[in-house]
Amino acid sequence: MQVAVEDYPLSRRLNLYLPPGSSAVAREFVDFALGDVGQAVVEDVGFVSQRIRAFGPTRRAGLPRGYLDITENAERLSFNVRFGTGAAVLDNKALRDLDRLADYLRDPSHQGRELMLLGFADASEVLPLIALQLSNDRVDYVAAALARRGVPVQRVRGFGGVAPVAGNDVPQGRERNRRVEVWIR
């Protein structure tokens, strides 16, 4: 699960780019790679696909009581939303990912499940009180983007700079800590 949500230190995104005016074959390849059949191939060869999966909670040291209470009897989705420093806006990847999440949650097997968003800041972004506000802004922003896609969010909560998943002493670690986690119950 840590690789799927990009919390593991060695996880990396693979980006596919098409220049303007790309051939139909190139567009078909990217559509294939990102589609269900292509993602099945990704899994078959041992990589982590873009398919959303639900995982039981991982209990690690240092998690705040509120986090543990909210995630009790819940499953974490293999889906995180990442943010730039001091930002509460979504990049193009996050917008496409929210479309994938909306499709996942529309599946009849997920109907009636409670969707929860838990937001975090990196410890060096701002003062602790402002970090709490920033993490709340992030979950509110994601919740609003999901609402525009017809997906209701039952619970949002920001936690500020607590519960880091990576070290705050390097840029890559701070980037992993600026996140919104998605949980269902």
N, C-alpha and C. Protein backbone atom coordinates (compact mmCIF):
# COMPACT_ATOMS: atom_id res chain seq x y z
N MET A 1 0.81 -1.18 0.00
CA MET A 1 0.00 0.00 0.00
C MET A 1 0.87 1.26 0.00
N GLN A 2 1.99 1.26 0.69
CA GLN A 2 2.81 2.46 0.77
C GLN A 2 3.30 2.92 -0.60
N VAL A 3 3.55 1.99 -1.50
CA VAL A 3 3.97 2.37 -2.85
C VAL A 3 2.77 2.94 -3.61
N ALA A 4 1.61 2.32 -3.47
CA ALA A 4 0.42 2.77 -4.20
C ALA A 4 0.02 4.19 -3.84
N VAL A 5 0.23 4.61 -2.60
CA VAL A 5 -0.14 5.97 -2.20
C VAL A 5 1.07 6.90 -2.20
N GLU A 6 2.20 6.42 -2.70
CA GLU A 6 3.43 7.18 -2.84
C GLU A 6 4.03 7.61 -1.50
N ASP A 7 3.75 6.86 -0.43
CA ASP A 7 4.36 7.13 0.87
C ASP A 7 5.71 6.46 0.99
N TYR A 8 5.95 5.41 0.23
CA TYR A 8 7.21 4.69 0.29
C TYR A 8 8.30 5.55 -0.36
N PRO A 9 9.47 5.65 0.27
CA PRO A 9 10.51 6.57 -0.25
C PRO A 9 10.96 6.30 -1.68
N LEU A 10 10.89 5.07 -2.15
CA LEU A 10 11.38 4.77 -3.51
C LEU A 10 10.28 4.74 -4.56
N SER A 11 9.08 5.17 -4.21
CA SER A 11 8.01 5.18 -5.21
C SER A 11 8.20 6.39 -6.12
N ARG A 12 7.91 6.20 -7.39
CA ARG A 12 8.04 7.27 -8.39
C ARG A 12 6.88 7.17 -9.36
N ARG A 13 6.44 8.31 -9.81
CA ARG A 13 5.40 8.36 -10.84
C ARG A 13 6.03 8.15 -12.21
N LEU A 14 5.30 7.51 -13.08
CA LEU A 14 5.69 7.39 -14.48
C LEU A 14 4.71 8.25 -15.27
N ASN A 15 5.22 9.30 -15.86
CA ASN A 15 4.38 10.22 -16.62
C ASN A 15 4.49 9.92 -18.10
N LEU A 16 3.37 9.96 -18.78
CA LEU A 16 3.32 9.79 -20.23
C LEU A 16 2.89 11.12 -20.84
N TYR A 17 3.71 11.63 -21.73
CA TYR A 17 3.42 12.91 -22.36
C TYR A 17 3.25 12.73 -23.86
N LEU A 18 2.33 13.48 -24.43
CA LEU A 18 2.15 13.52 -25.88
C LEU A 18 2.32 14.96 -26.34
N PRO A 19 3.19 15.19 -27.31
CA PRO A 19 3.32 16.55 -27.83
C PRO A 19 2.09 16.91 -28.67
N PRO A 20 1.82 18.20 -28.81
CA PRO A 20 0.70 18.60 -29.67
C PRO A 20 0.85 18.00 -31.06
N GLY A 21 -0.26 17.58 -31.62
CA GLY A 21 -0.24 17.01 -32.96
C GLY A 21 0.27 15.58 -33.00
N SER A 22 0.22 14.88 -31.89
CA SER A 22 0.69 13.49 -31.85
C SER A 22 -0.15 12.62 -32.78
N SER A 23 0.46 11.56 -33.24
CA SER A 23 -0.22 10.65 -34.16
C SER A 23 -1.33 9.90 -33.42
N ALA A 24 -2.25 9.35 -34.19
CA ALA A 24 -3.34 8.56 -33.62
C ALA A 24 -2.78 7.34 -32.90
N VAL A 25 -1.72 6.75 -33.42
CA VAL A 25 -1.11 5.57 -32.79
C VAL A 25 -0.56 5.93 -31.41
N ALA A 26 0.07 7.07 -31.30
CA ALA A 26 0.61 7.50 -30.00
C ALA A 26 -0.51 7.74 -29.00
N ARG A 27 -1.59 8.39 -29.43
CA ARG A 27 -2.73 8.62 -28.54
C ARG A 27 -3.38 7.30 -28.14
N GLU A 28 -3.50 6.37 -29.08
CA GLU A 28 -4.07 5.06 -28.77
C GLU A 28 -3.22 4.31 -27.75
N PHE A 29 -1.88 4.43 -27.88
CA PHE A 29 -0.99 3.76 -26.92
C PHE A 29 -1.20 4.31 -25.51
N VAL A 30 -1.25 5.63 -25.37
CA VAL A 30 -1.44 6.23 -24.05
C VAL A 30 -2.81 5.84 -23.49
N ASP A 31 -3.83 5.86 -24.33
CA ASP A 31 -5.17 5.44 -23.88
C ASP A 31 -5.14 3.99 -23.42
N PHE A 32 -4.45 3.13 -24.16
CA PHE A 32 -4.31 1.73 -23.76
C PHE A 32 -3.58 1.61 -22.42
N ALA A 33 -2.45 2.31 -22.30
CA ALA A 33 -1.63 2.21 -21.08
C ALA A 33 -2.40 2.66 -19.85
N LEU A 34 -3.25 3.66 -19.99
CA LEU A 34 -4.00 4.18 -18.86
C LEU A 34 -5.34 3.49 -18.64
N GLY A 35 -5.77 2.69 -19.62
CA GLY A 35 -7.05 2.00 -19.53
C GLY A 35 -6.97 0.72 -18.70
N ASP A 36 -8.10 0.06 -18.57
CA ASP A 36 -8.18 -1.15 -17.74
C ASP A 36 -7.26 -2.26 -18.23
N VAL A 37 -7.20 -2.48 -19.54
CA VAL A 37 -6.36 -3.55 -20.07
C VAL A 37 -4.88 -3.24 -19.83
N GLY A 38 -4.47 -2.01 -20.10
CA GLY A 38 -3.08 -1.61 -19.87
C GLY A 38 -2.70 -1.68 -18.40
N GLN A 39 -3.60 -1.28 -17.53
CA GLN A 39 -3.31 -1.32 -16.10
C GLN A 39 -3.24 -2.76 -15.59
N ALA A 40 -3.99 -3.67 -16.21
CA ALA A 40 -3.87 -5.09 -15.87
C ALA A 40 -2.48 -5.60 -16.24
N VAL A 41 -1.95 -5.15 -17.38
CA VAL A 41 -0.59 -5.52 -17.78
C VAL A 41 0.41 -4.98 -16.77
N VAL A 42 0.22 -3.75 -16.34
CA VAL A 42 1.10 -3.14 -15.34
C VAL A 42 1.17 -4.02 -14.09
N GLU A 43 0.01 -4.46 -13.62
CA GLU A 43 -0.03 -5.33 -12.44
C GLU A 43 0.61 -6.68 -12.71
N ASP A 44 0.35 -7.25 -13.90
CA ASP A 44 0.89 -8.57 -14.24
C ASP A 44 2.41 -8.61 -14.24
N VAL A 45 3.04 -7.50 -14.59
CA VAL A 45 4.51 -7.48 -14.61
C VAL A 45 5.12 -7.03 -13.29
N GLY A 46 4.26 -6.81 -12.28
CA GLY A 46 4.76 -6.53 -10.94
C GLY A 46 4.86 -5.07 -10.54
N PHE A 47 4.29 -4.19 -11.34
CA PHE A 47 4.29 -2.78 -10.96
C PHE A 47 2.96 -2.43 -10.30
N VAL A 48 2.86 -1.25 -9.74
CA VAL A 48 1.63 -0.80 -9.08
C VAL A 48 0.79 -0.04 -10.11
N SER A 49 -0.41 -0.52 -10.32
CA SER A 49 -1.29 0.10 -11.31
C SER A 49 -1.96 1.34 -10.74
N GLN A 50 -2.66 2.04 -11.59
CA GLN A 50 -3.44 3.20 -11.19
C GLN A 50 -4.83 2.82 -10.70
N ARG A 51 -5.13 1.53 -10.66
CA ARG A 51 -6.43 1.09 -10.14
C ARG A 51 -6.50 1.39 -8.65
N ILE A 52 -7.62 1.88 -8.23
CA ILE A 52 -7.79 2.21 -6.82
C ILE A 52 -8.15 0.94 -6.07
N ARG A 53 -7.48 0.73 -4.94
CA ARG A 53 -7.70 -0.42 -4.07
C ARG A 53 -7.93 0.08 -2.65
N ALA A 54 -8.63 -0.73 -1.86
CA ALA A 54 -8.86 -0.42 -0.45
C ALA A 54 -7.95 -1.30 0.40
N PHE A 55 -7.32 -0.70 1.41
CA PHE A 55 -6.42 -1.40 2.31
C PHE A 55 -6.85 -1.15 3.74
N GLY A 56 -6.63 -2.12 4.60
CA GLY A 56 -6.87 -1.92 6.02
C GLY A 56 -5.92 -0.87 6.56
N PRO A 57 -6.27 -0.24 7.68
CA PRO A 57 -5.42 0.82 8.22
C PRO A 57 -4.08 0.27 8.72
N THR A 58 -3.06 1.08 8.56
CA THR A 58 -1.76 0.76 9.14
C THR A 58 -1.59 1.64 10.35
N ARG A 59 -1.31 1.03 11.46
CA ARG A 59 -1.15 1.76 12.72
C ARG A 59 0.33 1.91 12.99
N ARG A 60 0.83 3.12 12.87
CA ARG A 60 2.23 3.37 13.16
C ARG A 60 2.34 4.32 14.35
N ALA A 61 3.49 4.35 14.94
CA ALA A 61 3.71 5.19 16.11
C ALA A 61 3.54 6.66 15.76
N GLY A 62 3.05 7.42 16.73
CA GLY A 62 2.96 8.86 16.57
C GLY A 62 1.69 9.37 15.92
N LEU A 63 0.74 8.50 15.62
CA LEU A 63 -0.50 8.96 15.01
C LEU A 63 -1.38 9.59 16.09
N PRO A 64 -1.98 10.76 15.80
CA PRO A 64 -2.82 11.40 16.81
C PRO A 64 -4.10 10.61 17.07
N ARG A 65 -4.61 10.75 18.29
CA ARG A 65 -5.82 10.02 18.71
C ARG A 65 -6.97 10.27 17.75
N GLY A 66 -7.16 11.52 17.31
CA GLY A 66 -8.25 11.84 16.38
C GLY A 66 -8.15 11.07 15.08
N TYR A 67 -6.94 10.92 14.57
CA TYR A 67 -6.70 10.15 13.35
C TYR A 67 -7.08 8.70 13.56
N LEU A 68 -6.65 8.13 14.68
CA LEU A 68 -6.96 6.73 14.98
C LEU A 68 -8.47 6.52 15.14
N ASP A 69 -9.15 7.48 15.77
CA ASP A 69 -10.61 7.36 15.94
C ASP A 69 -11.33 7.41 14.60
N ILE A 70 -10.93 8.34 13.74
CA ILE A 70 -11.60 8.49 12.44
C ILE A 70 -11.38 7.27 11.56
N THR A 71 -10.18 6.71 11.59
CA THR A 71 -9.85 5.61 10.68
C THR A 71 -10.20 4.23 11.24
N GLU A 72 -10.71 4.19 12.46
CA GLU A 72 -11.10 2.90 13.03
C GLU A 72 -12.22 2.29 12.18
N ASN A 73 -12.08 1.02 11.85
CA ASN A 73 -13.04 0.29 11.01
C ASN A 73 -13.18 0.88 9.61
N ALA A 74 -12.16 1.57 9.15
CA ALA A 74 -12.18 2.15 7.81
C ALA A 74 -11.07 1.54 6.97
N GLU A 75 -11.16 1.75 5.66
CA GLU A 75 -10.13 1.29 4.74
C GLU A 75 -9.55 2.50 4.03
N ARG A 76 -8.24 2.48 3.87
CA ARG A 76 -7.57 3.56 3.14
C ARG A 76 -7.51 3.17 1.67
N LEU A 77 -7.87 4.11 0.83
CA LEU A 77 -7.79 3.86 -0.60
C LEU A 77 -6.38 4.13 -1.09
N SER A 78 -5.99 3.43 -2.12
CA SER A 78 -4.65 3.61 -2.72
C SER A 78 -4.67 4.88 -3.56
N PHE A 79 -4.92 5.97 -2.90
CA PHE A 79 -5.15 7.23 -3.57
C PHE A 79 -4.81 8.35 -2.61
N ASN A 80 -3.88 9.18 -2.97
CA ASN A 80 -3.53 10.39 -2.23
C ASN A 80 -3.59 11.56 -3.18
N VAL A 81 -3.86 12.71 -2.66
CA VAL A 81 -3.75 13.95 -3.42
C VAL A 81 -2.58 14.71 -2.83
N ARG A 82 -1.63 15.12 -3.67
CA ARG A 82 -0.43 15.84 -3.23
C ARG A 82 -0.55 17.32 -3.57
N PHE A 83 0.15 18.14 -2.79
CA PHE A 83 0.08 19.59 -2.95
C PHE A 83 1.46 20.20 -2.95
N GLY A 84 1.58 21.35 -3.60
CA GLY A 84 2.82 22.12 -3.55
C GLY A 84 2.93 22.84 -2.22
N THR A 85 4.09 23.39 -1.93
CA THR A 85 4.33 24.10 -0.68
C THR A 85 3.36 25.26 -0.51
N GLY A 86 2.68 25.28 0.62
CA GLY A 86 1.76 26.37 0.94
C GLY A 86 0.54 26.44 0.05
N ALA A 87 0.30 25.41 -0.75
CA ALA A 87 -0.78 25.45 -1.75
C ALA A 87 -1.94 24.55 -1.36
N ALA A 88 -3.12 24.96 -1.81
CA ALA A 88 -4.31 24.14 -1.65
C ALA A 88 -5.04 24.05 -2.99
N VAL A 89 -4.27 23.93 -4.08
CA VAL A 89 -4.83 23.80 -5.42
C VAL A 89 -4.37 22.48 -6.02
N LEU A 90 -5.14 22.00 -6.98
CA LEU A 90 -4.87 20.69 -7.58
C LEU A 90 -4.19 20.84 -8.93
N ASP A 91 -3.19 19.97 -9.18
CA ASP A 91 -2.54 19.96 -10.49
C ASP A 91 -3.34 19.06 -11.44
N ASN A 92 -2.89 18.98 -12.70
CA ASN A 92 -3.62 18.19 -13.71
C ASN A 92 -3.72 16.73 -13.33
N LYS A 93 -2.65 16.15 -12.75
CA LYS A 93 -2.70 14.75 -12.34
C LYS A 93 -3.76 14.55 -11.28
N ALA A 94 -3.82 15.44 -10.30
CA ALA A 94 -4.81 15.32 -9.23
C ALA A 94 -6.23 15.42 -9.80
N LEU A 95 -6.45 16.30 -10.75
CA LEU A 95 -7.78 16.42 -11.34
C LEU A 95 -8.18 15.14 -12.06
N ARG A 96 -7.25 14.54 -12.81
CA ARG A 96 -7.54 13.26 -13.48
C ARG A 96 -7.75 12.16 -12.43
N ASP A 97 -6.95 12.20 -11.36
CA ASP A 97 -7.10 11.21 -10.30
C ASP A 97 -8.46 11.31 -9.63
N LEU A 98 -8.97 12.53 -9.46
CA LEU A 98 -10.29 12.69 -8.85
C LEU A 98 -11.38 12.09 -9.75
N ASP A 99 -11.19 12.18 -11.06
CA ASP A 99 -12.12 11.51 -11.98
C ASP A 99 -12.09 10.00 -11.78
N ARG A 100 -10.87 9.44 -11.61
CA ARG A 100 -10.74 8.00 -11.35
C ARG A 100 -11.42 7.63 -10.03
N LEU A 101 -11.24 8.46 -9.01
CA LEU A 101 -11.85 8.20 -7.71
C LEU A 101 -13.37 8.25 -7.82
N ALA A 102 -13.89 9.23 -8.53
CA ALA A 102 -15.34 9.33 -8.71
C ALA A 102 -15.88 8.09 -9.40
N ASP A 103 -15.19 7.61 -10.44
CA ASP A 103 -15.62 6.38 -11.12
C ASP A 103 -15.59 5.19 -10.17
N TYR A 104 -14.55 5.08 -9.38
CA TYR A 104 -14.42 3.99 -8.40
C TYR A 104 -15.59 4.01 -7.41
N LEU A 105 -15.92 5.18 -6.91
CA LEU A 105 -16.96 5.29 -5.89
C LEU A 105 -18.37 5.13 -6.46
N ARG A 106 -18.53 5.32 -7.76
CA ARG A 106 -19.85 5.12 -8.39
C ARG A 106 -20.17 3.65 -8.60
N ASP A 107 -19.17 2.79 -8.49
CA ASP A 107 -19.41 1.36 -8.64
C ASP A 107 -20.44 0.92 -7.60
N PRO A 108 -21.42 0.11 -8.00
CA PRO A 108 -22.46 -0.31 -7.04
C PRO A 108 -21.92 -0.96 -5.76
N SER A 109 -20.77 -1.61 -5.84
CA SER A 109 -20.22 -2.26 -4.64
C SER A 109 -19.76 -1.26 -3.59
N HIS A 110 -19.63 0.01 -3.95
CA HIS A 110 -19.19 1.03 -3.00
C HIS A 110 -20.31 1.96 -2.56
N GLN A 111 -21.52 1.71 -3.06
CA GLN A 111 -22.65 2.55 -2.68
C GLN A 111 -22.92 2.44 -1.18
N GLY A 112 -23.24 3.55 -0.56
CA GLY A 112 -23.57 3.56 0.86
C GLY A 112 -22.36 3.61 1.78
N ARG A 113 -21.17 3.67 1.22
CA ARG A 113 -19.97 3.75 2.06
C ARG A 113 -19.65 5.21 2.34
N GLU A 114 -19.14 5.48 3.52
CA GLU A 114 -18.79 6.83 3.94
C GLU A 114 -17.41 7.19 3.41
N LEU A 115 -17.30 8.32 2.73
CA LEU A 115 -16.03 8.79 2.20
C LEU A 115 -15.47 9.85 3.14
N MET A 116 -14.20 9.67 3.52
CA MET A 116 -13.55 10.59 4.45
C MET A 116 -12.25 11.09 3.85
N LEU A 117 -11.95 12.36 4.04
CA LEU A 117 -10.73 12.98 3.57
C LEU A 117 -9.95 13.49 4.78
N LEU A 118 -8.68 13.12 4.87
CA LEU A 118 -7.82 13.55 5.97
C LEU A 118 -6.64 14.30 5.38
N GLY A 119 -6.47 15.56 5.78
CA GLY A 119 -5.45 16.42 5.19
C GLY A 119 -4.27 16.67 6.09
N PHE A 120 -3.11 16.92 5.45
CA PHE A 120 -1.86 17.14 6.17
C PHE A 120 -1.03 18.21 5.48
N ALA A 121 -0.19 18.85 6.29
CA ALA A 121 0.79 19.82 5.81
C ALA A 121 2.17 19.28 6.16
N ASP A 122 3.20 19.79 5.52
CA ASP A 122 4.53 19.39 5.97
C ASP A 122 4.92 20.32 7.11
N ALA A 123 5.74 19.82 8.00
CA ALA A 123 6.05 20.54 9.24
C ALA A 123 6.76 21.86 9.01
N SER A 124 7.37 22.06 7.86
CA SER A 124 8.13 23.29 7.64
C SER A 124 7.36 24.35 6.86
N GLU A 125 6.13 24.06 6.43
CA GLU A 125 5.39 25.00 5.59
C GLU A 125 5.07 26.30 6.33
N VAL A 126 4.50 26.15 7.49
CA VAL A 126 4.00 27.32 8.23
C VAL A 126 3.97 27.00 9.72
N LEU A 127 3.56 27.95 10.49
CA LEU A 127 3.40 27.74 11.93
C LEU A 127 2.32 26.68 12.17
N PRO A 128 2.37 25.95 13.29
CA PRO A 128 1.43 24.85 13.53
C PRO A 128 -0.04 25.22 13.36
N LEU A 129 -0.47 26.36 13.88
CA LEU A 129 -1.88 26.73 13.76
C LEU A 129 -2.26 26.98 12.31
N ILE A 130 -1.37 27.62 11.57
CA ILE A 130 -1.63 27.89 10.15
C ILE A 130 -1.57 26.59 9.36
N ALA A 131 -0.68 25.67 9.75
CA ALA A 131 -0.61 24.37 9.08
C ALA A 131 -1.92 23.62 9.23
N LEU A 132 -2.55 23.73 10.38
CA LEU A 132 -3.85 23.10 10.60
C LEU A 132 -4.88 23.70 9.64
N GLN A 133 -4.89 25.02 9.52
CA GLN A 133 -5.81 25.67 8.60
C GLN A 133 -5.52 25.26 7.15
N LEU A 134 -4.25 25.21 6.77
CA LEU A 134 -3.87 24.81 5.42
C LEU A 134 -4.32 23.38 5.12
N SER A 135 -4.14 22.48 6.08
CA SER A 135 -4.57 21.09 5.86
C SER A 135 -6.09 21.01 5.74
N ASN A 136 -6.82 21.84 6.50
CA ASN A 136 -8.28 21.90 6.36
C ASN A 136 -8.68 22.49 5.01
N ASP A 137 -7.96 23.51 4.56
CA ASP A 137 -8.23 24.08 3.23
C ASP A 137 -8.04 23.02 2.15
N ARG A 138 -7.03 22.19 2.29
CA ARG A 138 -6.76 21.14 1.30
C ARG A 138 -7.90 20.13 1.24
N VAL A 139 -8.37 19.67 2.40
CA VAL A 139 -9.46 18.69 2.36
C VAL A 139 -10.75 19.33 1.85
N ASP A 140 -10.98 20.60 2.22
CA ASP A 140 -12.17 21.29 1.71
C ASP A 140 -12.11 21.44 0.19
N TYR A 141 -10.93 21.74 -0.33
CA TYR A 141 -10.76 21.90 -1.77
C TYR A 141 -11.02 20.58 -2.51
N VAL A 142 -10.47 19.48 -1.97
CA VAL A 142 -10.69 18.17 -2.58
C VAL A 142 -12.17 17.78 -2.46
N ALA A 143 -12.78 18.04 -1.31
CA ALA A 143 -14.20 17.72 -1.13
C ALA A 143 -15.06 18.48 -2.13
N ALA A 144 -14.75 19.76 -2.35
CA ALA A 144 -15.51 20.55 -3.32
C ALA A 144 -15.32 20.02 -4.74
N ALA A 145 -14.10 19.62 -5.08
CA ALA A 145 -13.84 19.05 -6.41
C ALA A 145 -14.60 17.74 -6.59
N LEU A 146 -14.68 16.93 -5.55
CA LEU A 146 -15.45 15.68 -5.63
C LEU A 146 -16.95 15.97 -5.72
N ALA A 147 -17.42 16.97 -4.99
CA ALA A 147 -18.84 17.33 -5.06
C ALA A 147 -19.23 17.75 -6.47
N ARG A 148 -18.33 18.47 -7.17
CA ARG A 148 -18.60 18.85 -8.57
C ARG A 148 -18.69 17.62 -9.46
N ARG A 149 -18.11 16.50 -9.03
CA ARG A 149 -18.18 15.25 -9.78
C ARG A 149 -19.32 14.36 -9.29
N GLY A 150 -20.16 14.88 -8.40
CA GLY A 150 -21.30 14.14 -7.89
C GLY A 150 -20.96 13.15 -6.79
N VAL A 151 -19.81 13.33 -6.14
CA VAL A 151 -19.38 12.42 -5.08
C VAL A 151 -19.47 13.14 -3.74
N PRO A 152 -20.40 12.71 -2.87
CA PRO A 152 -20.50 13.36 -1.56
C PRO A 152 -19.41 12.88 -0.61
N VAL A 153 -18.87 13.80 0.16
CA VAL A 153 -17.87 13.48 1.18
C VAL A 153 -18.54 13.66 2.53
N GLN A 154 -18.50 12.62 3.36
CA GLN A 154 -19.18 12.68 4.64
C GLN A 154 -18.33 13.32 5.74
N ARG A 155 -17.02 13.23 5.63
CA ARG A 155 -16.19 13.74 6.72
C ARG A 155 -14.88 14.28 6.17
N VAL A 156 -14.50 15.47 6.62
CA VAL A 156 -13.20 16.04 6.28
C VAL A 156 -12.55 16.51 7.57
N ARG A 157 -11.24 16.35 7.62
CA ARG A 157 -10.51 16.77 8.82
C ARG A 157 -9.07 17.04 8.46
N GLY A 158 -8.58 18.18 8.84
CA GLY A 158 -7.18 18.51 8.68
C GLY A 158 -6.42 18.24 9.96
N PHE A 159 -5.18 17.79 9.82
CA PHE A 159 -4.34 17.47 10.98
C PHE A 159 -3.07 18.31 11.04
N GLY A 160 -2.90 19.26 10.14
CA GLY A 160 -1.70 20.08 10.16
C GLY A 160 -0.46 19.28 9.82
N GLY A 161 0.62 19.54 10.53
CA GLY A 161 1.91 18.90 10.24
C GLY A 161 2.18 17.63 11.01
N VAL A 162 1.17 17.07 11.68
CA VAL A 162 1.39 15.83 12.43
C VAL A 162 1.35 14.63 11.49
N ALA A 163 1.79 13.48 11.97
CA ALA A 163 1.72 12.21 11.25
C ALA A 163 2.44 12.23 9.90
N PRO A 164 3.68 12.72 9.86
CA PRO A 164 4.40 12.69 8.58
C PRO A 164 4.65 11.25 8.13
N VAL A 165 4.65 11.06 6.82
CA VAL A 165 4.95 9.73 6.26
C VAL A 165 6.38 9.67 5.76
N ALA A 166 7.06 10.82 5.78
CA ALA A 166 8.45 10.90 5.34
C ALA A 166 9.13 12.01 6.13
N GLY A 167 10.45 12.04 6.06
CA GLY A 167 11.21 13.06 6.77
C GLY A 167 10.98 14.44 6.20
N ASN A 168 10.92 15.42 7.07
CA ASN A 168 10.73 16.80 6.64
C ASN A 168 12.04 17.52 6.35
N ASP A 169 13.15 16.77 6.40
CA ASP A 169 14.46 17.40 6.22
C ASP A 169 14.89 17.48 4.75
N VAL A 170 14.14 16.84 3.85
CA VAL A 170 14.46 16.90 2.42
C VAL A 170 13.20 17.26 1.63
N PRO A 171 13.34 17.90 0.48
CA PRO A 171 12.16 18.31 -0.30
C PRO A 171 11.23 17.15 -0.66
N GLN A 172 11.79 16.00 -1.02
CA GLN A 172 10.96 14.86 -1.41
C GLN A 172 10.10 14.38 -0.23
N GLY A 173 10.66 14.41 0.96
CA GLY A 173 9.89 14.01 2.14
C GLY A 173 8.78 15.00 2.45
N ARG A 174 9.10 16.28 2.36
CA ARG A 174 8.08 17.30 2.61
C ARG A 174 6.94 17.18 1.60
N GLU A 175 7.28 16.87 0.35
CA GLU A 175 6.25 16.71 -0.68
C GLU A 175 5.31 15.56 -0.34
N ARG A 176 5.84 14.47 0.18
CA ARG A 176 5.00 13.33 0.55
C ARG A 176 4.09 13.66 1.74
N ASN A 177 4.53 14.56 2.58
CA ASN A 177 3.75 14.91 3.77
C ASN A 177 2.62 15.89 3.47
N ARG A 178 2.69 16.61 2.36
CA ARG A 178 1.61 17.53 1.96
C ARG A 178 0.60 16.72 1.15
N ARG A 179 -0.39 16.20 1.86
CA ARG A 179 -1.28 15.24 1.21
C ARG A 179 -2.69 15.29 1.79
N VAL A 180 -3.61 14.73 1.03
CA VAL A 180 -4.95 14.40 1.52
C VAL A 180 -5.11 12.90 1.30
N GLU A 181 -5.35 12.19 2.38
CA GLU A 181 -5.62 10.75 2.31
C GLU A 181 -7.10 10.54 2.12
N VAL A 182 -7.45 9.46 1.40
CA VAL A 182 -8.86 9.14 1.14
C VAL A 182 -9.18 7.80 1.81
N TRP A 183 -10.20 7.80 2.63
CA TRP A 183 -10.64 6.63 3.39
C TRP A 183 -12.12 6.37 3.14
N ILE A 184 -12.51 5.10 3.23
CA ILE A 184 -13.93 4.75 3.16
C ILE A 184 -14.29 3.83 4.32
N ARG A 185 -15.53 3.95 4.73
CA ARG A 185 -16.04 3.09 5.80
C ARG A 185 -17.45 2.69 5.43
